[in-house]
Protein backbone atom coordinates (compact mmCIF):
# COMPACT_ATOMS: atom_id res chain seq x y z
CA MET A 1 131.13 210.20 -67.38
CA LEU A 2 131.43 212.72 -64.55
CA ARG A 3 133.57 210.16 -62.75
CA LYS A 4 135.74 209.24 -65.45
CA THR A 5 136.66 213.09 -65.70
CA LEU A 6 137.08 213.65 -61.95
CA LYS A 7 139.52 210.35 -62.03
CA SER A 8 141.59 211.65 -64.59
CA ALA A 9 141.97 215.09 -62.61
CA PHE A 10 143.17 212.66 -59.64
CA SER A 11 145.45 211.15 -61.70
CA LEU A 12 146.87 214.61 -62.96
CA TYR A 13 147.17 215.71 -59.32
CA HIS A 14 148.98 212.67 -58.34
CA ARG A 15 151.35 213.28 -60.95
CA LEU A 16 151.73 217.45 -60.20
CA ARG A 17 152.25 215.98 -56.49
CA ARG A 18 155.21 213.57 -57.72
CA TYR A 19 152.95 210.71 -56.19
CA PRO A 20 153.70 207.54 -57.89
CA LEU A 21 150.56 205.46 -57.49
CA GLU A 22 149.77 204.84 -61.48
CA SER A 23 153.53 204.08 -62.14
CA SER A 24 154.02 201.71 -59.47
CA ILE A 25 150.78 199.77 -60.66
CA ARG A 26 152.07 199.57 -63.83
CA PHE A 27 155.29 198.24 -62.77
CA LEU A 28 153.82 195.90 -60.38
CA GLU A 29 151.70 194.38 -63.01
CA GLU A 30 154.64 193.34 -64.68
CA SER A 31 157.18 192.83 -61.87
CA GLN A 32 154.78 190.05 -60.19
CA TRP A 33 155.69 187.77 -63.03
CA TRP A 34 159.12 188.23 -62.42
CA SER A 35 161.17 185.11 -61.78
CA ARG A 36 161.71 184.81 -57.94
CA GLU A 37 165.67 185.56 -58.44
CA LYS A 38 164.52 188.59 -60.21
CA ILE A 39 162.73 189.67 -57.52
CA GLU A 40 165.06 189.28 -54.84
CA GLU A 41 167.26 191.35 -57.14
CA PHE A 42 165.23 194.41 -56.95
CA GLN A 43 164.68 193.88 -53.41
CA ASN A 44 168.18 193.79 -52.54
CA GLU A 45 168.96 196.77 -54.33
CA LYS A 46 166.22 198.57 -53.01
CA LEU A 47 167.21 197.35 -49.39
CA ARG A 48 171.12 198.71 -49.50
CA ASP A 49 169.49 202.57 -50.73
CA LEU A 50 167.55 202.24 -47.77
CA ILE A 51 170.37 201.26 -45.28
CA ILE A 52 172.36 204.20 -46.91
CA HIS A 53 169.82 206.49 -46.64
CA ALA A 54 168.92 205.22 -42.77
CA TYR A 55 172.76 205.28 -41.93
CA ASN A 56 173.31 208.92 -43.20
CA ASN A 57 170.27 210.58 -42.28
CA VAL A 58 168.24 208.78 -38.93
CA PRO A 59 170.05 209.15 -36.19
CA TYR A 60 168.53 206.21 -34.55
CA TYR A 61 170.11 203.76 -37.32
CA ARG A 62 173.28 205.68 -37.32
CA GLN A 63 173.44 205.24 -33.45
CA ILE A 64 172.51 201.44 -33.42
CA MET A 65 175.14 200.79 -36.44
CA ASP A 66 177.98 202.36 -34.96
CA GLU A 67 177.24 200.30 -31.53
CA TYR A 68 176.92 197.14 -33.67
CA GLY A 69 180.00 197.96 -35.32
CA LEU A 70 178.11 197.97 -39.07
CA LYS A 71 178.37 200.18 -42.00
CA PRO A 72 176.03 200.35 -44.80
CA SER A 73 178.57 198.05 -46.70
CA ASN A 74 177.97 195.45 -44.35
CA ILE A 75 173.93 194.95 -45.43
CA GLN A 76 173.91 193.75 -49.09
CA SER A 77 170.96 191.58 -48.95
CA ILE A 78 167.49 190.63 -47.33
CA SER A 79 170.29 187.61 -45.44
CA ASP A 80 171.93 190.48 -43.93
CA LEU A 81 168.92 191.93 -42.36
CA SER A 82 169.41 189.70 -39.31
CA LYS A 83 172.59 191.70 -38.21
CA LEU A 84 170.29 194.42 -37.26
CA PRO A 85 168.13 194.61 -33.81
CA ILE A 86 164.78 194.32 -33.89
CA LEU A 87 162.47 197.31 -33.82
CA THR A 88 159.81 196.89 -31.39
CA LYS A 89 156.85 199.30 -30.73
CA LYS A 90 158.44 200.11 -27.23
CA ILE A 91 161.55 201.39 -29.23
CA ILE A 92 159.68 203.47 -31.50
CA ARG A 93 157.83 205.16 -28.65
CA LYS A 94 161.11 206.07 -26.81
CA ASN A 95 163.09 206.82 -29.83
CA TYR A 96 160.28 208.63 -32.16
CA SER A 97 161.66 211.96 -33.05
CA HIS A 98 165.35 210.00 -33.50
CA LEU A 99 163.72 207.70 -35.94
CA LYS A 100 162.58 210.31 -38.62
CA ALA A 101 164.92 211.24 -41.18
CA LYS A 102 166.55 214.49 -41.08
CA ASN A 103 166.26 215.37 -44.62
CA ILE A 104 162.88 214.78 -44.22
CA ASN A 105 160.38 216.31 -46.90
CA LEU A 106 157.59 217.88 -44.60
CA PHE A 107 155.18 218.85 -47.31
CA ARG A 108 155.78 214.94 -48.43
CA ILE A 109 154.92 213.33 -45.06
CA SER A 110 152.08 211.88 -43.23
CA GLU A 111 151.47 210.41 -39.45
CA HIS A 112 149.77 207.14 -39.16
CA SER A 113 148.42 205.88 -36.11
CA SER A 114 148.24 202.12 -36.03
CA GLY A 115 144.82 200.69 -35.07
CA GLY A 116 146.63 198.90 -32.09
CA SER A 117 145.10 195.37 -33.02
CA THR A 118 147.91 193.73 -30.97
CA GLY A 119 146.67 195.98 -28.21
CA ASP A 120 149.61 198.58 -28.41
CA PRO A 121 148.89 201.34 -30.71
CA ILE A 122 151.87 203.55 -32.19
CA ARG A 123 152.55 206.74 -34.29
CA ILE A 124 154.68 206.57 -37.27
CA VAL A 125 155.70 209.05 -40.16
CA ALA A 126 155.23 207.71 -44.00
CA ASP A 127 156.14 209.35 -46.95
CA SER A 128 154.29 209.61 -49.96
CA ASN A 129 156.24 207.46 -52.03
CA SER A 130 155.74 204.60 -49.55
CA ASP A 131 151.93 205.45 -48.98
CA ALA A 132 151.78 205.21 -53.28
CA TRP A 133 153.98 201.80 -53.28
CA GLY A 134 151.50 200.57 -50.27
CA MET A 135 148.11 201.36 -52.01
CA ALA A 136 149.93 199.97 -55.62
CA CYS A 137 150.39 196.72 -53.87
CA TYR A 138 146.71 196.92 -52.58
CA TYR A 139 145.32 197.50 -56.12
CA ARG A 140 147.25 194.58 -57.67
CA GLY A 141 146.17 192.28 -54.56
CA MET A 142 142.33 193.26 -55.50
CA SER A 143 143.04 192.60 -59.02
CA TRP A 144 143.58 189.21 -58.30
CA GLY A 145 139.98 189.04 -57.44
CA GLY A 146 138.95 190.97 -60.30
CA TYR A 147 138.57 194.20 -58.79
CA ARG A 148 139.89 197.29 -61.00
CA ASP A 149 140.41 200.95 -59.71
CA GLY A 150 137.39 202.39 -60.06
CA ASP A 151 134.81 199.41 -59.91
CA ARG A 152 132.04 199.65 -57.54
CA ILE A 153 132.80 198.66 -53.90
CA VAL A 154 131.31 197.98 -50.87
CA LYS A 155 133.23 199.03 -47.73
CA LEU A 156 132.06 197.63 -44.00
CA SER A 157 134.44 199.43 -41.81
CA LEU A 158 134.82 201.51 -38.56
CA GLY A 159 136.28 204.69 -40.08
CA SER A 160 137.08 207.64 -37.63
CA LEU A 161 134.00 206.69 -35.23
CA GLY A 162 132.86 210.20 -36.05
CA LEU A 163 136.10 211.72 -34.56
CA LYS A 164 137.68 212.67 -37.25
CA PRO A 165 134.71 214.17 -39.48
CA LYS A 166 134.87 213.41 -43.45
CA THR A 167 136.41 216.13 -45.65
CA PHE A 168 134.88 216.87 -49.21
CA SER A 169 137.98 215.86 -50.39
CA ASP A 170 136.91 212.29 -48.68
CA ARG A 171 133.56 212.18 -49.83
CA LEU A 172 134.84 213.07 -53.69
CA ARG A 173 137.34 210.22 -53.57
CA ALA A 174 134.74 208.12 -52.28
CA PHE A 175 132.55 209.34 -55.26
CA VAL A 176 135.43 208.90 -58.20
CA TYR A 177 136.31 205.48 -56.93
CA GLY A 178 132.89 204.00 -56.33
CA GLU A 179 133.21 203.41 -52.60
CA LEU A 180 129.99 202.83 -50.46
CA ALA A 181 131.01 202.96 -47.19
CA ILE A 182 128.82 201.20 -44.37
CA PRO A 183 129.79 201.69 -40.56
CA ALA A 184 130.34 198.41 -38.95
CA GLU A 185 129.69 199.35 -35.21
CA GLY A 186 126.35 198.89 -33.71
CA LEU A 187 124.62 196.43 -36.61
CA SER A 188 120.97 195.77 -35.97
CA ILE A 189 118.40 193.93 -37.73
CA HIS A 190 116.82 197.24 -38.23
CA GLN A 191 119.75 199.02 -40.27
CA THR A 192 120.50 196.04 -42.31
CA GLN A 193 117.25 196.51 -43.93
CA ASN A 194 118.20 199.58 -45.26
CA TYR A 195 121.80 198.58 -45.99
CA HIS A 196 120.71 195.86 -47.91
CA MET A 197 118.92 198.39 -50.27
CA GLN A 198 121.72 200.52 -50.35
CA ILE A 199 123.99 197.58 -51.81
CA LEU A 200 121.61 196.48 -54.08
CA LYS A 201 121.11 200.13 -55.47
CA SER A 202 124.94 201.21 -55.77
CA GLY A 203 125.54 198.05 -58.07
CA ALA A 204 128.68 197.13 -56.20
CA ASN A 205 130.04 193.81 -57.49
CA TYR A 206 132.53 193.55 -54.66
CA LEU A 207 132.94 194.04 -50.79
CA ARG A 208 135.51 194.69 -48.29
CA GLY A 209 135.59 194.51 -44.95
CA TYR A 210 135.98 192.35 -41.43
CA PRO A 211 135.02 188.82 -41.70
CA SER A 212 133.02 188.51 -38.75
CA VAL A 213 130.83 191.58 -39.33
CA ILE A 214 130.16 190.34 -42.82
CA CYS A 215 129.24 187.22 -41.27
CA LEU A 216 126.88 189.19 -39.15
CA LEU A 217 125.35 191.08 -42.17
CA ILE A 218 124.81 187.87 -44.03
CA GLN A 219 122.86 186.59 -40.81
CA TYR A 220 120.74 189.73 -40.65
CA PHE A 221 120.41 189.46 -44.39
CA GLU A 222 118.87 185.91 -44.34
CA LYS A 223 116.39 186.93 -41.71
CA THR A 224 114.95 190.30 -43.42
CA ALA A 225 115.83 190.17 -47.26
CA THR A 226 114.20 188.58 -50.21
CA ASP A 227 116.12 190.08 -53.32
CA HIS A 228 119.42 187.94 -53.45
CA ILE A 229 122.83 190.00 -53.53
CA LYS A 230 125.55 188.35 -56.12
CA LEU A 231 128.90 189.56 -56.10
CA LYS A 232 131.89 188.91 -58.05
CA ALA A 233 134.26 188.92 -55.22
CA VAL A 234 134.83 189.33 -51.39
CA TYR A 235 137.67 190.79 -50.01
CA PRO A 236 137.89 190.15 -45.85
CA THR A 237 140.40 191.95 -43.90
CA ALA A 238 141.79 193.08 -40.76
CA GLU A 239 140.99 189.97 -38.72
CA MET A 240 141.61 186.07 -38.87
CA LEU A 241 139.20 184.70 -41.34
CA TYR A 242 138.04 181.13 -40.36
CA ASP A 243 137.26 178.21 -42.46
CA PHE A 244 133.59 178.45 -41.84
CA GLN A 245 133.29 181.99 -42.65
CA ARG A 246 134.92 181.62 -45.92
CA GLU A 247 132.13 178.62 -46.37
CA GLN A 248 129.54 181.09 -45.43
CA ILE A 249 130.33 184.30 -47.36
CA GLN A 250 130.95 182.38 -50.67
CA LYS A 251 127.57 180.58 -50.43
CA PHE A 252 125.58 183.65 -49.67
CA PHE A 253 127.08 185.85 -51.96
CA SER A 254 128.03 183.33 -54.50
CA CYS A 255 131.19 184.37 -55.23
CA PRO A 256 135.30 183.33 -54.54
CA VAL A 257 136.86 185.07 -51.20
CA PHE A 258 140.04 186.83 -51.55
CA ASP A 259 141.37 187.25 -48.14
CA CYS A 260 143.81 190.28 -47.62
CA TYR A 261 146.62 190.92 -44.61
CA GLY A 262 148.14 194.23 -43.95
CA SER A 263 148.84 196.92 -41.36
CA SER A 264 148.40 200.63 -40.88
CA GLU A 265 151.99 200.74 -40.22
CA VAL A 266 153.20 199.03 -43.33
CA LEU A 267 150.65 199.08 -45.86
CA GLY A 268 150.11 195.65 -48.22
CA LEU A 269 151.46 192.68 -46.53
CA GLY A 270 149.76 189.78 -48.34
CA TYR A 271 147.11 188.76 -50.50
CA GLU A 272 145.45 185.81 -52.06
CA CYS A 273 145.56 184.84 -55.72
CA GLU A 274 142.80 182.81 -57.30
CA LYS A 275 144.48 179.59 -56.10
CA ASN A 276 144.11 180.35 -52.45
CA ARG A 277 147.39 178.56 -51.25
CA GLY A 278 148.35 181.21 -48.94
CA TYR A 279 149.09 185.31 -48.99
CA HIS A 280 151.58 186.68 -51.71
CA ILE A 281 153.75 189.06 -50.24
CA PRO A 282 154.41 192.27 -52.61
CA GLN A 283 158.30 191.61 -52.05
CA GLU A 284 158.81 194.58 -54.29
CA HIS A 285 157.68 197.09 -51.40
CA VAL A 286 158.35 194.98 -48.22
CA VAL A 287 160.46 192.66 -46.82
CA ILE A 288 158.91 189.97 -43.93
CA GLU A 289 161.10 187.76 -41.98
CA SER A 290 159.65 185.42 -39.75
CA VAL A 291 162.04 184.38 -36.58
CA GLN A 292 162.04 182.44 -33.37
CA GLY A 293 163.87 183.02 -30.29
CA ASP A 294 166.60 185.46 -30.73
CA ALA A 295 165.70 186.17 -34.05
CA THR A 296 169.22 185.78 -36.10
CA ASN A 297 167.82 183.11 -38.25
CA PRO A 298 164.49 183.36 -40.41
CA VAL A 299 162.51 180.17 -40.21
CA PHE A 300 160.46 178.80 -43.16
CA TYR A 301 157.40 176.03 -42.73
CA ALA A 302 157.12 176.75 -38.66
CA PRO A 303 155.47 179.38 -36.76
CA GLY A 304 157.44 182.60 -36.40
CA ARG A 305 157.27 186.09 -35.14
CA PHE A 306 156.63 188.53 -38.16
CA LEU A 307 159.59 191.07 -38.81
CA ILE A 308 158.55 193.89 -41.78
CA THR A 309 160.70 196.21 -43.42
CA ASP A 310 159.22 198.69 -45.55
CA LEU A 311 161.40 199.27 -48.54
CA ASP A 312 160.00 202.64 -49.42
CA ASN A 313 159.29 204.71 -46.19
CA TYR A 314 162.52 207.11 -46.12
CA ALA A 315 160.66 209.42 -43.49
CA MET A 316 160.58 207.04 -40.97
CA PRO A 317 162.75 203.60 -41.85
CA MET A 318 160.95 200.81 -40.58
CA ILE A 319 163.35 198.02 -40.37
CA ARG A 320 162.94 194.83 -38.93
CA TYR A 321 159.72 196.17 -37.44
CA GLU A 322 158.08 193.66 -35.16
CA ASN A 323 154.41 194.11 -35.38
CA GLY A 324 152.87 191.61 -33.21
CA ASP A 325 151.80 189.61 -35.84
CA SER A 326 152.83 185.87 -36.76
CA GLY A 327 152.45 183.32 -39.04
CA VAL A 328 154.32 180.77 -41.43
CA LEU A 329 156.21 181.70 -44.45
CA SER A 330 156.72 179.45 -47.38
CA SER A 331 159.49 179.18 -50.17
CA GLU A 332 157.14 176.83 -52.34
CA GLU A 333 156.02 178.63 -55.64
CA CYS A 334 152.41 179.32 -56.28
CA THR A 335 151.05 177.27 -59.30
CA CYS A 336 149.87 181.00 -60.38
CA GLY A 337 152.63 181.58 -61.80
CA ARG A 338 153.68 184.46 -59.78
CA GLY A 339 157.23 184.60 -58.34
CA LEU A 340 156.27 186.26 -55.32
CA LYS A 341 156.84 184.60 -51.91
CA LEU A 342 153.88 183.21 -49.59
CA ILE A 343 152.78 183.42 -46.23
CA SER A 344 151.38 179.87 -45.95
CA LYS A 345 149.60 180.50 -42.49
CA LEU A 346 148.56 183.59 -40.58
CA TYR A 347 147.82 183.46 -36.72
CA GLY A 348 145.23 186.12 -35.70
CA ARG A 349 144.07 187.38 -32.64
CA VAL A 350 140.72 186.43 -30.84
CA GLN A 351 138.50 189.67 -30.75
CA ASP A 352 134.70 189.38 -28.87
CA PHE A 353 131.92 191.01 -30.01
CA LEU A 354 130.80 193.06 -27.46
CA ILE A 355 127.20 194.33 -26.48
CA ALA A 356 125.61 197.90 -26.67
CA GLU A 357 123.38 199.16 -24.48
CA ASN A 358 120.41 198.69 -27.12
CA GLY A 359 121.58 195.14 -27.66
CA ASN A 360 123.29 196.00 -30.78
CA LEU A 361 126.68 194.19 -31.63
CA ILE A 362 129.70 196.11 -32.02
CA PRO A 363 132.90 194.14 -33.09
CA GLY A 364 136.40 194.09 -31.32
CA ASN A 365 137.56 196.37 -33.54
CA PHE A 366 135.98 199.51 -32.55
CA PHE A 367 138.88 200.06 -29.92
CA PRO A 368 141.80 200.11 -31.46
CA HIS A 369 139.94 202.42 -34.03
CA LEU A 370 139.07 204.23 -31.31
CA PHE A 371 142.85 204.56 -29.79
CA ARG A 372 144.23 205.62 -33.19
CA PHE A 373 142.89 208.99 -31.95
CA THR A 374 144.87 208.92 -28.38
CA LYS A 375 148.78 209.87 -27.86
CA GLY A 376 148.49 208.67 -24.30
CA ILE A 377 147.43 205.08 -24.36
CA ASP A 378 150.38 202.43 -25.01
CA GLU A 379 148.52 199.18 -24.48
CA PHE A 380 144.65 197.92 -23.82
CA GLN A 381 142.44 195.49 -22.94
CA ILE A 382 138.49 196.01 -22.90
CA VAL A 383 136.68 193.54 -20.77
CA GLN A 384 132.82 193.31 -21.04
CA GLU A 385 131.56 192.41 -17.30
CA SER A 386 128.32 192.55 -17.57
CA ARG A 387 125.28 193.68 -19.96
CA MET A 388 126.11 197.50 -18.81
CA PHE A 389 129.73 197.72 -17.31
CA LEU A 390 132.71 197.72 -19.54
CA ARG A 391 136.44 197.82 -17.93
CA LEU A 392 139.23 199.44 -19.81
CA LEU A 393 142.47 198.39 -18.55
CA ILE A 394 145.17 200.51 -20.13
CA VAL A 395 149.05 200.98 -19.57
CA ASN A 396 149.37 204.59 -20.18
CA ASN A 397 151.67 207.12 -20.37
CA LYS A 398 152.65 210.92 -19.74
CA PHE A 399 150.03 212.29 -22.54
CA PHE A 400 146.91 210.42 -21.26
CA ASP A 401 145.12 213.63 -19.18
CA ASN A 402 141.57 214.23 -18.71
CA HIS A 403 141.06 215.23 -22.38
CA GLU A 404 141.47 211.78 -23.28
CA ARG A 405 139.74 210.12 -21.19
CA GLN A 406 136.77 212.04 -21.46
CA MET A 407 137.10 211.71 -25.19
CA VAL A 408 137.41 207.95 -24.76
CA VAL A 409 134.43 207.50 -22.20
CA GLY A 410 132.26 209.86 -24.35
CA THR A 411 132.88 208.05 -27.68
CA ILE A 412 132.18 204.98 -25.91
CA LYS A 413 129.18 206.01 -24.61
CA ARG A 414 128.07 207.25 -28.13
CA TYR A 415 128.10 204.18 -29.47
CA PHE A 416 127.57 201.70 -26.61
CA GLY A 417 124.76 203.73 -24.77
CA SER A 418 124.65 206.70 -22.33
CA GLY A 419 123.82 204.38 -19.62
CA MET A 420 127.10 202.26 -20.26
CA ARG A 421 129.15 202.32 -17.52
CA THR A 422 132.79 202.53 -18.00
CA GLU A 423 135.47 202.32 -16.08
CA ILE A 424 139.17 202.91 -16.85
CA GLU A 425 141.84 201.28 -14.73
CA PRO A 426 145.47 201.85 -15.22
CA VAL A 427 147.66 199.03 -14.85
CA LYS A 428 151.29 198.37 -15.18
CA GLU A 429 150.98 195.22 -17.65
CA ILE A 430 147.93 193.71 -19.66
CA PRO A 431 147.51 190.28 -18.29
CA LYS A 432 147.98 187.65 -20.70
CA THR A 433 146.61 183.98 -21.69
CA LYS A 434 147.69 180.78 -20.21
CA ALA A 435 149.11 180.45 -23.86
CA GLY A 436 151.13 183.98 -23.11
CA LYS A 437 148.91 185.86 -25.47
CA LYS A 438 146.94 189.20 -25.03
CA ARG A 439 143.29 189.33 -25.98
CA LEU A 440 142.04 193.11 -26.88
CA THR A 441 138.43 192.44 -26.15
CA ILE A 442 137.04 189.66 -23.71
CA CYS A 443 133.03 189.26 -23.53
CA LYS A 444 132.34 187.85 -20.13
CA ILE A 445 128.37 187.32 -21.34
CA ALA A 446 129.11 186.19 -24.72
CA ASP A 447 127.87 182.32 -23.84
CA GLN A 448 124.80 184.33 -22.03
CA TYR A 449 123.80 185.56 -25.10
CA GLY A 450 125.31 183.08 -27.63
CA ILE A 451 127.25 186.24 -29.89
CA ASN A 452 130.20 184.13 -30.26
CA GLU A 453 128.30 181.08 -32.00
CA ARG A 454 128.79 180.59 -35.40
CA ILE A 455 124.95 180.68 -36.07
CA ASN A 456 122.00 182.69 -34.70
CA LEU A 457 124.30 185.92 -34.07
CA ALA A 458 121.54 187.77 -34.86
CA ARG A 459 118.95 186.63 -32.24
CA ILE A 460 120.08 189.13 -29.67
CA ASN A 461 117.96 192.03 -31.07
CA GLU A 462 115.03 189.42 -31.75
């Protein structure tokens, strides 16, 4: 009863702040069943409005469009987006202030730091309307696996790593929305006994988290737990989900798996439905182009780089933003009947587990979360040279100072152990693999401890 009352209070607060979460959710529940033509018509209308706003109010876009000889009338549909140049992370850093709208409402914006899962974090500004649409897409995507706003759910994530204390509002929201947070960093066989009990006691029917950490948790549970945890659905996120992980999760929790794709720069990019034929793109909120070469023509049924356009962020328009992800877009219609287009394949990044001083395993996503709290690091790569030695390669900028250095080293020692030797090495560029890709984390002792094997991940602490 208390949770229901508080939830109603949250809804009233949203309406008073003109935060259109509830109305957007209702809209999306209907629009997912629209024809593809109607969805694209709605997209084009929102795009035209965004382009007019960007040209009139955002210095960067006025300058770029003038240089290219473009007026808002030249961008009438999604197919016209190729007339505009790509927005890269380097351009965002260089033009940060000029990318913000002149008519921005300072009381309705928030600044986000990307997790830097491609190895180069950035800061962006978003308005409350964009946040609401992103969250509405999230709730709709989660509903395809049965989850409804307020259902009890376990969230296995890294959080703020203690660098940003939880506020009373954070704790209240978690209570109202039935969220049980379990830290993903430093999992050990001893901790998971307590986690198993917490999950059972919470009565949660859903789980969301990194697939690599979920699978590690499963292997610990198989060694220590006697009572079986049966869920209604599991939602992997933030990492590449492999077929063997999907099978392992489905088998252990006796439920289907619904993979999710998103980013902190633009919320809600793709969600699996019950047919598991790919990731439905929430086209009412975003445009995803897949391009090759000079990005003048979109590609389907072939691998391409993703360009993201947030149709709702008027504070800092993200138009043709290259987020570092790649995959295959499909124009086929899903048998579920929804008119939303699909991402048929995602190409993820390899992120090794690393080993703490006490033998606990730290997921590679630890570092993108850590660098969300820095301004002086543009790119990074973490190499574990030995059990007690971490080497941090960074491309830094003028904001990287002794305070940030101490914060980074101190946080690493807090989670990896005070005896962990940490060396920060500034470089001009991050080395790439032979395939031309960047790896965020490299554990050179992975084979020695078998931590990247499909099975027996838990044996390191035995």
